[in-house]
Amino acid sequence: MNTYSIIVVPAHGVAPGEQVRLAPGETLRFGRTAVAPTVAFAGDAAGVDHRRLTIPHHGVSRTAGEIVAGGTYWSLSNLSTASTYVVENPEGAGEHIKIAPGRIEAPVPFEFSRVVLPAADELLTFDVWAPRHDYADATIANCPGDPTTLAFPLDRSKRYFLVLAALCEGRLRGEPHAPLPTVEQVVGRLRPVWPQVNRASVQWNIDYLAVKLRLKQPPEAADCGPRLNGKKESLVSLALRFDLVRESELTVLDEQKVTAP
């Protein structure tokens, strides 16, 4: 079982070695300098080793902020004295929150987030994924006791579910041995409901699903093994085995909807 709860993806790339995975309670400080400062922050324990994301831009504070991973969410501290940070939901049609200068541990509710830092005449960004967002079983909402947490929490309003549905469509429609669609075919299938879709965005969502559905181990894990091959086949096999996509849900592929850019 993976222990991390969030993944920080620098803007310059998404290669596994460039991503930073944080377990609940771990912190990541970011800023212009490569060496963590010696100043202590509220709640720091003696000897705590804070990880560091360097953003080498003269418009970024030396110690610009800090991310703290929670169990199914994360928080952001804005350690600058003058700049407001914005956290965008790339799938939220403009949904965002603002983190004022000096604000400590503001909770971020989005599964996908883009942190935007004003830096001189530029806007710099990095992404934060929270693939462990959990959703309670709606069938027991009116029952007493603690809700059941799903083993494979999926938000069916997200684009990754569209991609998963498109991958599963052929086999769900009565062709159990149908070859899986190519990325280009998925792009064509989704364009009516997701006009901005392209090859890169489909591949990104396939990679994300592999993380969210726990088919990929973090690269630093001792038993991470070789790079996952047959990613699409593994995703579809898992989805069909556990009914993560049902034939009745394929209607999402034909619904006309407005999507975020």
C-alpha atoms as a PDB file:
ATOM      1  CA  MET A   1       0.000   0.000   0.000  1.00  0.00           C
ATOM      2  CA  ASN A   2       1.328   3.397  -0.929  1.00  0.00           C
ATOM      3  CA  THR A   3       1.828   5.744   2.009  1.00  0.00           C
ATOM      4  CA  TYR A   4       1.813   9.086   0.212  1.00  0.00           C
ATOM      5  CA  SER A   5      -1.329  11.211   0.045  1.00  0.00           C
ATOM      6  CA  ILE A   6      -0.342  14.069  -2.289  1.00  0.00           C
ATOM      7  CA  ILE A   7       2.011  14.496  -5.238  1.00  0.00           C
ATOM      8  CA  VAL A   8       3.661  17.815  -6.116  1.00  0.00           C
ATOM      9  CA  VAL A   9       4.450  18.157  -9.829  1.00  0.00           C
ATOM     10  CA  PRO A  10       6.907  20.915 -10.816  1.00  0.00           C
ATOM     11  CA  ALA A  11       5.966  22.942 -13.888  1.00  0.00           C
ATOM     12  CA  HIS A  12       9.087  21.938 -15.806  1.00  0.00           C
ATOM     13  CA  GLY A  13       8.089  18.291 -16.118  1.00  0.00           C
ATOM     14  CA  VAL A  14       6.157  15.316 -14.822  1.00  0.00           C
ATOM     15  CA  ALA A  15       8.818  12.606 -14.924  1.00  0.00           C
ATOM     16  CA  PRO A  16       8.512  10.334 -11.858  1.00  0.00           C
ATOM     17  CA  GLY A  17      11.871  11.467 -10.513  1.00  0.00           C
ATOM     18  CA  GLU A  18      10.766  15.104 -10.588  1.00  0.00           C
ATOM     19  CA  GLN A  19       7.566  14.565  -8.657  1.00  0.00           C
ATOM     20  CA  VAL A  20       7.562  14.922  -4.886  1.00  0.00           C
ATOM     21  CA  ARG A  21       5.379  12.524  -2.921  1.00  0.00           C
ATOM     22  CA  LEU A  22       4.334  13.457   0.603  1.00  0.00           C
ATOM     23  CA  ALA A  23       2.853  11.185   3.241  1.00  0.00           C
ATOM     24  CA  PRO A  24       0.335  12.569   5.767  1.00  0.00           C
ATOM     25  CA  GLY A  25       2.122  14.952   8.113  1.00  0.00           C
ATOM     26  CA  GLU A  26       5.101  15.546   5.815  1.00  0.00           C
ATOM     27  CA  THR A  27       5.961  19.055   4.620  1.00  0.00           C
ATOM     28  CA  LEU A  28       7.459  20.570   1.512  1.00  0.00           C
ATOM     29  CA  ARG A  29       8.835  24.105   1.588  1.00  0.00           C
ATOM     30  CA  PHE A  30       9.244  25.992  -1.657  1.00  0.00           C
ATOM     31  CA  GLY A  31      11.103  29.127  -2.621  1.00  0.00           C
ATOM     32  CA  ARG A  32      14.045  30.613  -4.490  1.00  0.00           C
ATOM     33  CA  THR A  33      16.865  29.164  -2.414  1.00  0.00           C
ATOM     34  CA  ALA A  34      17.964  25.562  -2.722  1.00  0.00           C
ATOM     35  CA  VAL A  35      18.928  25.159   0.938  1.00  0.00           C
ATOM     36  CA  ALA A  36      16.226  25.062   3.589  1.00  0.00           C
ATOM     37  CA  PRO A  37      16.400  28.060   5.942  1.00  0.00           C
ATOM     38  CA  THR A  38      17.421  27.713   9.553  1.00  0.00           C
ATOM     39  CA  VAL A  39      14.465  29.731  10.839  1.00  0.00           C
ATOM     40  CA  ALA A  40      11.915  27.665  12.778  1.00  0.00           C
ATOM     41  CA  PHE A  41       8.189  27.747  12.122  1.00  0.00           C
ATOM     42  CA  ALA A  42       5.296  27.225  14.469  1.00  0.00           C
ATOM     43  CA  GLY A  43       4.821  23.527  15.103  1.00  0.00           C
ATOM     44  CA  ASP A  44       8.333  22.562  14.010  1.00  0.00           C
ATOM     45  CA  ALA A  45       9.811  19.712  15.991  1.00  0.00           C
ATOM     46  CA  ALA A  46      13.478  19.535  16.827  1.00  0.00           C
ATOM     47  CA  GLY A  47      15.463  17.853  14.088  1.00  0.00           C
ATOM     48  CA  VAL A  48      12.625  17.891  11.515  1.00  0.00           C
ATOM     49  CA  ASP A  49      13.987  17.542   7.969  1.00  0.00           C
ATOM     50  CA  HIS A  50      11.797  19.593   5.644  1.00  0.00           C
ATOM     51  CA  ARG A  51      11.868  18.728   1.963  1.00  0.00           C
ATOM     52  CA  ARG A  52      12.422  21.522  -0.521  1.00  0.00           C
ATOM     53  CA  LEU A  53      11.146  22.566  -3.950  1.00  0.00           C
ATOM     54  CA  THR A  54      13.439  25.168  -5.519  1.00  0.00           C
ATOM     55  CA  ILE A  55      11.883  27.778  -7.832  1.00  0.00           C
ATOM     56  CA  PRO A  56      14.895  29.680  -9.234  1.00  0.00           C
ATOM     57  CA  HIS A  57      13.272  33.002 -10.128  1.00  0.00           C
ATOM     58  CA  HIS A  58      14.306  36.390  -8.782  1.00  0.00           C
ATOM     59  CA  GLY A  59      10.643  37.303  -8.228  1.00  0.00           C
ATOM     60  CA  VAL A  60      10.031  34.415  -5.816  1.00  0.00           C
ATOM     61  CA  SER A  61      10.770  34.820  -2.109  1.00  0.00           C
ATOM     62  CA  ARG A  62      13.662  32.832  -0.710  1.00  0.00           C
ATOM     63  CA  THR A  63      11.174  31.063   1.535  1.00  0.00           C
ATOM     64  CA  ALA A  64       7.919  31.467  -0.347  1.00  0.00           C
ATOM     65  CA  GLY A  65       5.654  28.913   1.248  1.00  0.00           C
ATOM     66  CA  GLU A  66       5.034  25.491   2.671  1.00  0.00           C
ATOM     67  CA  ILE A  67       2.792  22.562   1.807  1.00  0.00           C
ATOM     68  CA  VAL A  68       1.615  20.119   4.464  1.00  0.00           C
ATOM     69  CA  ALA A  69       0.064  16.807   3.426  1.00  0.00           C
ATOM     70  CA  GLY A  70      -3.050  15.638   5.217  1.00  0.00           C
ATOM     71  CA  GLY A  71      -4.767  12.302   4.881  1.00  0.00           C
ATOM     72  CA  THR A  72      -7.079  13.205   1.987  1.00  0.00           C
ATOM     73  CA  TYR A  73      -6.248  16.882   1.505  1.00  0.00           C
ATOM     74  CA  TRP A  74      -3.354  19.328   1.887  1.00  0.00           C
ATOM     75  CA  SER A  75      -2.752  22.816   3.201  1.00  0.00           C
ATOM     76  CA  LEU A  76      -0.735  25.754   1.919  1.00  0.00           C
ATOM     77  CA  SER A  77       1.102  28.421   3.905  1.00  0.00           C
ATOM     78  CA  ASN A  78       1.976  31.699   2.176  1.00  0.00           C
ATOM     79  CA  LEU A  79       5.201  32.849   3.808  1.00  0.00           C
ATOM     80  CA  SER A  80       5.689  35.884   1.606  1.00  0.00           C
ATOM     81  CA  THR A  81       5.029  39.353   3.004  1.00  0.00           C
ATOM     82  CA  ALA A  82       3.411  40.966  -0.023  1.00  0.00           C
ATOM     83  CA  SER A  83       2.161  38.451  -2.627  1.00  0.00           C
ATOM     84  CA  THR A  84      -1.204  36.709  -2.680  1.00  0.00           C
ATOM     85  CA  TYR A  85      -1.066  33.164  -4.029  1.00  0.00           C
ATOM     86  CA  VAL A  86      -3.879  31.612  -6.037  1.00  0.00           C
ATOM     87  CA  VAL A  87      -4.770  27.921  -6.054  1.00  0.00           C
ATOM     88  CA  GLU A  88      -6.806  27.004  -9.129  1.00  0.00           C
ATOM     89  CA  ASN A  89      -8.936  23.964  -9.840  1.00  0.00           C
ATOM     90  CA  PRO A  90      -8.008  23.241 -13.494  1.00  0.00           C
ATOM     91  CA  GLU A  91     -11.291  21.366 -13.944  1.00  0.00           C
ATOM     92  CA  GLY A  92     -13.452  23.853 -12.088  1.00  0.00           C
ATOM     93  CA  ALA A  93     -14.322  26.399 -14.799  1.00  0.00           C
ATOM     94  CA  GLY A  94     -12.536  29.187 -12.938  1.00  0.00           C
ATOM     95  CA  GLU A  95     -12.911  27.836  -9.394  1.00  0.00           C
ATOM     96  CA  HIS A  96     -10.038  29.032  -7.207  1.00  0.00           C
ATOM     97  CA  ILE A  97      -9.051  30.130  -3.738  1.00  0.00           C
ATOM     98  CA  LYS A  98      -6.734  32.983  -2.699  1.00  0.00           C
ATOM     99  CA  ILE A  99      -4.080  32.600  -0.021  1.00  0.00           C
ATOM    100  CA  ALA A 100      -3.215  35.989   1.486  1.00  0.00           C
ATOM    101  CA  PRO A 101       0.345  36.937   2.524  1.00  0.00           C
ATOM    102  CA  GLY A 102       1.166  35.400   5.893  1.00  0.00           C
ATOM    103  CA  ARG A 103      -1.751  32.939   5.823  1.00  0.00           C
ATOM    104  CA  ILE A 104      -0.749  29.690   7.511  1.00  0.00           C
ATOM    105  CA  GLU A 105      -2.037  26.211   6.625  1.00  0.00           C
ATOM    106  CA  ALA A 106      -5.003  27.179   4.461  1.00  0.00           C
ATOM    107  CA  PRO A 107      -6.794  23.907   3.528  1.00  0.00           C
ATOM    108  CA  VAL A 108      -7.100  23.143  -0.189  1.00  0.00           C
ATOM    109  CA  PRO A 109     -10.131  21.024  -1.171  1.00  0.00           C
ATOM    110  CA  PHE A 110      -9.357  20.277  -4.823  1.00  0.00           C
ATOM    111  CA  GLU A 111      -8.263  16.881  -6.130  1.00  0.00           C
ATOM    112  CA  PHE A 112      -6.250  18.651  -8.840  1.00  0.00           C
ATOM    113  CA  SER A 113      -4.698  21.999  -7.965  1.00  0.00           C
ATOM    114  CA  ARG A 114      -2.482  24.518  -9.719  1.00  0.00           C
ATOM    115  CA  VAL A 115      -0.577  26.860  -7.424  1.00  0.00           C
ATOM    116  CA  VAL A 116       0.027  30.235  -9.097  1.00  0.00           C
ATOM    117  CA  LEU A 117       2.794  32.478  -7.774  1.00  0.00           C
ATOM    118  CA  PRO A 118       3.177  36.081  -8.990  1.00  0.00           C
ATOM    119  CA  ALA A 119       6.872  36.605  -9.767  1.00  0.00           C
ATOM    120  CA  ALA A 120       7.885  40.015 -11.151  1.00  0.00           C
ATOM    121  CA  ASP A 121       6.344  40.096 -14.653  1.00  0.00           C
ATOM    122  CA  GLU A 122       5.493  36.378 -14.741  1.00  0.00           C
ATOM    123  CA  LEU A 123       3.052  33.938 -13.202  1.00  0.00           C
ATOM    124  CA  LEU A 124       4.796  30.737 -12.130  1.00  0.00           C
ATOM    125  CA  THR A 125       2.917  27.521 -11.441  1.00  0.00           C
ATOM    126  CA  PHE A 126       3.245  24.025 -10.091  1.00  0.00           C
ATOM    127  CA  ASP A 127       0.609  21.344  -9.653  1.00  0.00           C
ATOM    128  CA  VAL A 128      -0.526  19.363  -6.638  1.00  0.00           C
ATOM    129  CA  TRP A 129      -2.458  16.116  -7.005  1.00  0.00           C
ATOM    130  CA  ALA A 130      -4.480  14.613  -4.165  1.00  0.00           C
ATOM    131  CA  PRO A 131      -5.318  11.162  -5.585  1.00  0.00           C
ATOM    132  CA  ARG A 132      -6.452   9.840  -2.207  1.00  0.00           C
ATOM    133  CA  HIS A 133      -9.636  11.929  -2.179  1.00  0.00           C
ATOM    134  CA  ASP A 134     -12.209   9.536  -0.726  1.00  0.00           C
ATOM    135  CA  TYR A 135     -15.954   9.374  -1.292  1.00  0.00           C
ATOM    136  CA  ALA A 136     -18.359   7.728   1.131  1.00  0.00           C
ATOM    137  CA  ASP A 137     -20.747   5.054  -0.081  1.00  0.00           C
ATOM    138  CA  ALA A 138     -23.957   6.955  -0.850  1.00  0.00           C
ATOM    139  CA  THR A 139     -26.129   3.864  -0.260  1.00  0.00           C
ATOM    140  CA  ILE A 140     -25.601   4.093   3.495  1.00  0.00           C
ATOM    141  CA  ALA A 141     -25.916   7.854   3.836  1.00  0.00           C
ATOM    142  CA  ASN A 142     -29.030   7.509   6.008  1.00  0.00           C
ATOM    143  CA  CYS A 143     -27.743   4.648   8.129  1.00  0.00           C
ATOM    144  CA  PRO A 144     -26.249   5.071  11.603  1.00  0.00           C
ATOM    145  CA  GLY A 145     -22.571   4.548  12.210  1.00  0.00           C
ATOM    146  CA  ASP A 146     -19.473   5.470  10.241  1.00  0.00           C
ATOM    147  CA  PRO A 147     -19.746   5.618   6.448  1.00  0.00           C
ATOM    148  CA  THR A 148     -17.987   3.060   4.286  1.00  0.00           C
ATOM    149  CA  THR A 149     -15.000   4.434   2.399  1.00  0.00           C
ATOM    150  CA  LEU A 150     -14.727   3.111  -1.145  1.00  0.00           C
ATOM    151  CA  ALA A 151     -11.658   1.064  -2.072  1.00  0.00           C
ATOM    152  CA  PHE A 152     -11.334   2.880  -5.411  1.00  0.00           C
ATOM    153  CA  PRO A 153     -12.749   6.404  -4.957  1.00  0.00           C
ATOM    154  CA  LEU A 154     -13.682   7.924  -8.303  1.00  0.00           C
ATOM    155  CA  ASP A 155     -15.369  11.247  -8.961  1.00  0.00           C
ATOM    156  CA  ARG A 156     -17.565  10.635 -11.990  1.00  0.00           C
ATOM    157  CA  SER A 157     -17.670  14.345 -12.800  1.00  0.00           C
ATOM    158  CA  LYS A 158     -13.925  14.426 -13.523  1.00  0.00           C
ATOM    159  CA  ARG A 159     -12.270  14.095 -16.899  1.00  0.00           C
ATOM    160  CA  TYR A 160     -10.306  11.064 -15.776  1.00  0.00           C
ATOM    161  CA  PHE A 161     -13.616   9.179 -15.519  1.00  0.00           C
ATOM    162  CA  LEU A 162     -14.429  10.149 -19.120  1.00  0.00           C
ATOM    163  CA  VAL A 163     -11.096   8.686 -20.194  1.00  0.00           C
ATOM    164  CA  LEU A 164     -11.667   5.513 -18.193  1.00  0.00           C
ATOM    165  CA  ALA A 165     -15.177   5.131 -19.631  1.00  0.00           C
ATOM    166  CA  ALA A 166     -13.871   5.563 -23.183  1.00  0.00           C
ATOM    167  CA  LEU A 167     -11.231   2.899 -22.571  1.00  0.00           C
ATOM    168  CA  CYS A 168     -13.830   0.461 -21.208  1.00  0.00           C
ATOM    169  CA  GLU A 169     -16.630   1.212 -23.687  1.00  0.00           C
ATOM    170  CA  GLY A 170     -15.972  -1.520 -26.243  1.00  0.00           C
ATOM    171  CA  ARG A 171     -15.798  -4.333 -23.706  1.00  0.00           C
ATOM    172  CA  LEU A 172     -18.795  -3.039 -21.764  1.00  0.00           C
ATOM    173  CA  ARG A 173     -20.910  -2.984 -24.917  1.00  0.00           C
ATOM    174  CA  GLY A 174     -20.701  -6.738 -25.356  1.00  0.00           C
ATOM    175  CA  GLU A 175     -17.260  -7.226 -26.889  1.00  0.00           C
ATOM    176  CA  PRO A 176     -15.259  -8.715 -23.998  1.00  0.00           C
ATOM    177  CA  HIS A 177     -12.183  -9.301 -26.149  1.00  0.00           C
ATOM    178  CA  ALA A 178     -12.302  -6.045 -28.085  1.00  0.00           C
ATOM    179  CA  PRO A 179      -8.901  -4.372 -28.513  1.00  0.00           C
ATOM    180  CA  LEU A 180      -8.510  -1.274 -26.412  1.00  0.00           C
ATOM    181  CA  PRO A 181      -8.809   2.051 -28.231  1.00  0.00           C
ATOM    182  CA  THR A 182      -5.654   3.943 -29.070  1.00  0.00           C
ATOM    183  CA  VAL A 183      -5.051   7.328 -27.482  1.00  0.00           C
ATOM    184  CA  GLU A 184      -6.016   8.951 -30.797  1.00  0.00           C
ATOM    185  CA  GLN A 185      -9.303   7.018 -30.825  1.00  0.00           C
ATOM    186  CA  VAL A 186     -10.034   8.095 -27.252  1.00  0.00           C
ATOM    187  CA  VAL A 187      -9.418  11.711 -28.281  1.00  0.00           C
ATOM    188  CA  GLY A 188     -11.916  11.364 -31.125  1.00  0.00           C
ATOM    189  CA  ARG A 189     -14.498   9.680 -28.903  1.00  0.00           C
ATOM    190  CA  LEU A 190     -14.312  12.388 -26.236  1.00  0.00           C
ATOM    191  CA  ARG A 191     -14.197  15.470 -28.431  1.00  0.00           C
ATOM    192  CA  PRO A 192     -18.024  15.978 -28.483  1.00  0.00           C
ATOM    193  CA  VAL A 193     -18.105  16.226 -24.668  1.00  0.00           C
ATOM    194  CA  TRP A 194     -14.607  17.631 -24.135  1.00  0.00           C
ATOM    195  CA  PRO A 195     -13.780  19.974 -27.056  1.00  0.00           C
ATOM    196  CA  GLN A 196     -10.278  20.809 -25.788  1.00  0.00           C
ATOM    197  CA  VAL A 197      -9.168  17.184 -25.488  1.00  0.00           C
ATOM    198  CA  ASN A 198      -5.864  16.200 -27.090  1.00  0.00           C
ATOM    199  CA  ARG A 199      -3.391  13.340 -27.009  1.00  0.00           C
ATOM    200  CA  ALA A 200      -1.353  14.846 -24.159  1.00  0.00           C
ATOM    201  CA  SER A 201      -4.383  15.394 -21.925  1.00  0.00           C
ATOM    202  CA  VAL A 202      -5.644  11.835 -22.474  1.00  0.00           C
ATOM    203  CA  GLN A 203      -2.219  10.384 -21.695  1.00  0.00           C
ATOM    204  CA  TRP A 204      -1.979  12.601 -18.585  1.00  0.00           C
ATOM    205  CA  ASN A 205      -5.284  11.251 -17.309  1.00  0.00           C
ATOM    206  CA  ILE A 206      -4.228   7.655 -18.001  1.00  0.00           C
ATOM    207  CA  ASP A 207      -1.067   8.250 -15.969  1.00  0.00           C
ATOM    208  CA  TYR A 208      -3.105   9.863 -13.203  1.00  0.00           C
ATOM    209  CA  LEU A 209      -5.569   6.966 -13.087  1.00  0.00           C
ATOM    210  CA  ALA A 210      -2.666   4.545 -12.683  1.00  0.00           C
ATOM    211  CA  VAL A 211      -1.630   6.507  -9.593  1.00  0.00           C
ATOM    212  CA  LYS A 212      -5.143   7.002  -8.217  1.00  0.00           C
ATOM    213  CA  LEU A 213      -6.112   3.351  -8.618  1.00  0.00           C
ATOM    214  CA  ARG A 214      -2.800   2.319  -7.041  1.00  0.00           C
ATOM    215  CA  LEU A 215      -1.407   0.450 -10.011  1.00  0.00           C
ATOM    216  CA  LYS A 216       1.872   2.386  -9.739  1.00  0.00           C
ATOM    217  CA  GLN A 217       4.191   2.410  -6.733  1.00  0.00           C
ATOM    218  CA  PRO A 218       6.135   5.575  -5.923  1.00  0.00           C
ATOM    219  CA  PRO A 219       9.618   5.420  -7.495  1.00  0.00           C
ATOM    220  CA  GLU A 220      11.300   5.705  -4.108  1.00  0.00           C
ATOM    221  CA  ALA A 221       9.571   2.587  -2.783  1.00  0.00           C
ATOM    222  CA  ALA A 222      11.829  -0.391  -2.226  1.00  0.00           C
ATOM    223  CA  ASP A 223       9.443  -2.711  -4.092  1.00  0.00           C
ATOM    224  CA  CYS A 224       8.407  -0.299  -6.834  1.00  0.00           C
ATOM    225  CA  GLY A 225       9.614  -2.736  -9.501  1.00  0.00           C
ATOM    226  CA  PRO A 226       9.946  -1.884 -13.173  1.00  0.00           C
ATOM    227  CA  ARG A 227       7.972   0.808 -14.934  1.00  0.00           C
ATOM    228  CA  LEU A 228       4.316  -0.186 -15.374  1.00  0.00           C
ATOM    229  CA  ASN A 229       3.730  -1.514 -18.871  1.00  0.00           C
ATOM    230  CA  GLY A 230       0.337  -2.201 -20.422  1.00  0.00           C
ATOM    231  CA  LYS A 231      -1.125   0.673 -18.442  1.00  0.00           C
ATOM    232  CA  LYS A 232      -4.372   0.848 -20.399  1.00  0.00           C
ATOM    233  CA  GLU A 233      -4.911  -2.907 -20.188  1.00  0.00           C
ATOM    234  CA  SER A 234      -4.260  -2.882 -16.435  1.00  0.00           C
ATOM    235  CA  LEU A 235      -6.683   0.010 -15.894  1.00  0.00           C
ATOM    236  CA  VAL A 236      -9.475  -1.559 -17.921  1.00  0.00           C
ATOM    237  CA  SER A 237      -8.979  -4.968 -16.307  1.00  0.00           C
ATOM    238  CA  LEU A 238      -9.222  -3.445 -12.829  1.00  0.00           C
ATOM    239  CA  ALA A 239     -12.184  -1.234 -13.738  1.00  0.00           C
ATOM    240  CA  LEU A 240     -14.210  -4.081 -15.208  1.00  0.00           C
ATOM    241  CA  ARG A 241     -13.341  -6.538 -12.459  1.00  0.00           C
ATOM    242  CA  PHE A 242     -14.584  -4.223  -9.708  1.00  0.00           C
ATOM    243  CA  ASP A 243     -17.384  -2.469 -11.664  1.00  0.00           C
ATOM    244  CA  LEU A 244     -15.681   0.912 -11.472  1.00  0.00           C
ATOM    245  CA  VAL A 245     -17.404   1.703 -14.788  1.00  0.00           C
ATOM    246  CA  ARG A 246     -20.776   0.171 -15.633  1.00  0.00           C
ATOM    247  CA  GLU A 247     -22.493   0.058 -19.003  1.00  0.00           C
ATOM    248  CA  SER A 248     -25.223   2.358 -17.681  1.00  0.00           C
ATOM    249  CA  GLU A 249     -22.554   4.994 -16.974  1.00  0.00           C
ATOM    250  CA  LEU A 250     -21.361   5.151 -20.581  1.00  0.00           C
ATOM    251  CA  THR A 251     -23.965   7.877 -21.099  1.00  0.00           C
ATOM    252  CA  VAL A 252     -21.292  10.330 -19.885  1.00  0.00           C
ATOM    253  CA  LEU A 253     -19.612   9.843 -23.273  1.00  0.00           C
ATOM    254  CA  ASP A 254     -22.624  11.259 -25.094  1.00  0.00           C
ATOM    255  CA  GLU A 255     -23.747  14.037 -22.765  1.00  0.00           C
ATOM    256  CA  GLN A 256     -23.089  17.530 -24.070  1.00  0.00           C
ATOM    257  CA  LYS A 257     -21.393  19.484 -21.340  1.00  0.00           C
ATOM    258  CA  VAL A 258     -19.266  22.577 -20.846  1.00  0.00           C
ATOM    259  CA  THR A 259     -15.751  21.732 -19.699  1.00  0.00           C
ATOM    260  CA  ALA A 260     -13.011  23.854 -18.247  1.00  0.00           C
ATOM    261  CA  PRO A 261     -10.163  24.799 -20.600  1.00  0.00           C
END
